[in-house]
């Protein structure tokens, strides 16, 4: 499951502090639940787009 994979992912220490700060700035006003809902919605949308693209190429 996608969520379990994210849960088990270790933090990437190679990501620059500037990049982390930029991302945190964008999401700072969201609650944890709001962020999870948005990430899930985005993931599902990407899955649908990926599925539609795969079917069209057959």
Protein backbone atom coordinates (compact mmCIF):
# COMPACT_ATOMS: atom_id res chain seq x y z
CA UNK A 1 0.00 0.00 0.00
CA UNK A 2 1.23 3.48 -0.87
CA UNK A 3 0.78 4.84 2.67
CA UNK A 4 2.81 2.03 4.23
CA UNK A 5 5.65 2.72 1.81
CA UNK A 6 5.69 6.37 2.86
CA UNK A 7 5.52 5.43 6.54
CA UNK A 8 8.55 3.15 6.18
CA UNK A 9 10.58 5.67 4.16
CA UNK A 10 13.55 7.05 6.05
CA UNK A 11 14.17 10.81 5.88
CA UNK A 12 16.50 11.77 3.05
CA UNK A 13 19.42 13.60 4.65
CA UNK A 14 20.70 14.64 1.21
CA UNK A 15 17.81 17.06 0.66
CA UNK A 16 19.02 20.61 1.13
CA UNK A 17 17.76 22.65 4.06
CA UNK A 18 16.71 25.40 1.65
CA UNK A 19 14.48 23.00 -0.29
CA UNK A 20 12.95 21.66 2.94
CA UNK A 21 12.27 25.22 4.09
CA UNK A 22 10.60 26.09 0.78
CA UNK A 23 8.30 23.07 1.03
CA UNK A 24 7.48 23.75 4.68
CA UNK A 25 6.65 27.35 3.80
CA UNK A 26 4.14 26.20 1.20
CA UNK A 27 2.42 23.75 3.56
CA UNK A 28 2.79 25.58 6.89
CA UNK A 29 -0.88 26.58 7.13
CA UNK A 30 -2.22 23.04 6.64
CA UNK A 31 -3.05 20.69 9.45
CA UNK A 32 -1.63 17.19 9.35
CA UNK A 33 -5.05 15.84 8.31
CA UNK A 34 -5.41 18.41 5.53
CA UNK A 35 -1.96 17.59 4.20
CA UNK A 36 -2.71 13.86 4.25
CA UNK A 37 -6.02 14.41 2.42
CA UNK A 38 -4.34 16.52 -0.24
CA UNK A 39 -1.50 14.03 -0.71
CA UNK A 40 -3.98 11.18 -1.01
CA UNK A 41 -6.13 13.09 -3.51
CA UNK A 42 -3.04 13.91 -5.58
CA UNK A 43 -1.86 10.30 -5.49
CA UNK A 44 -5.27 9.01 -6.59
CA UNK A 45 -5.44 11.58 -9.39
CA UNK A 46 -1.97 10.58 -10.60
CA UNK A 47 -3.00 6.91 -10.49
CA UNK A 48 -6.06 7.61 -12.63
CA UNK A 49 -4.00 9.63 -15.12
CA UNK A 50 -1.38 6.89 -15.25
CA UNK A 51 -4.03 4.22 -15.81
CA UNK A 52 -5.71 6.26 -18.56
CA UNK A 53 -2.38 6.85 -20.31
CA UNK A 54 -1.53 3.14 -20.15
CA UNK A 55 -4.88 2.14 -21.62
CA UNK A 56 -4.56 4.63 -24.50
CA UNK A 57 -1.15 3.28 -25.48
CA UNK A 58 -2.46 -0.28 -25.93
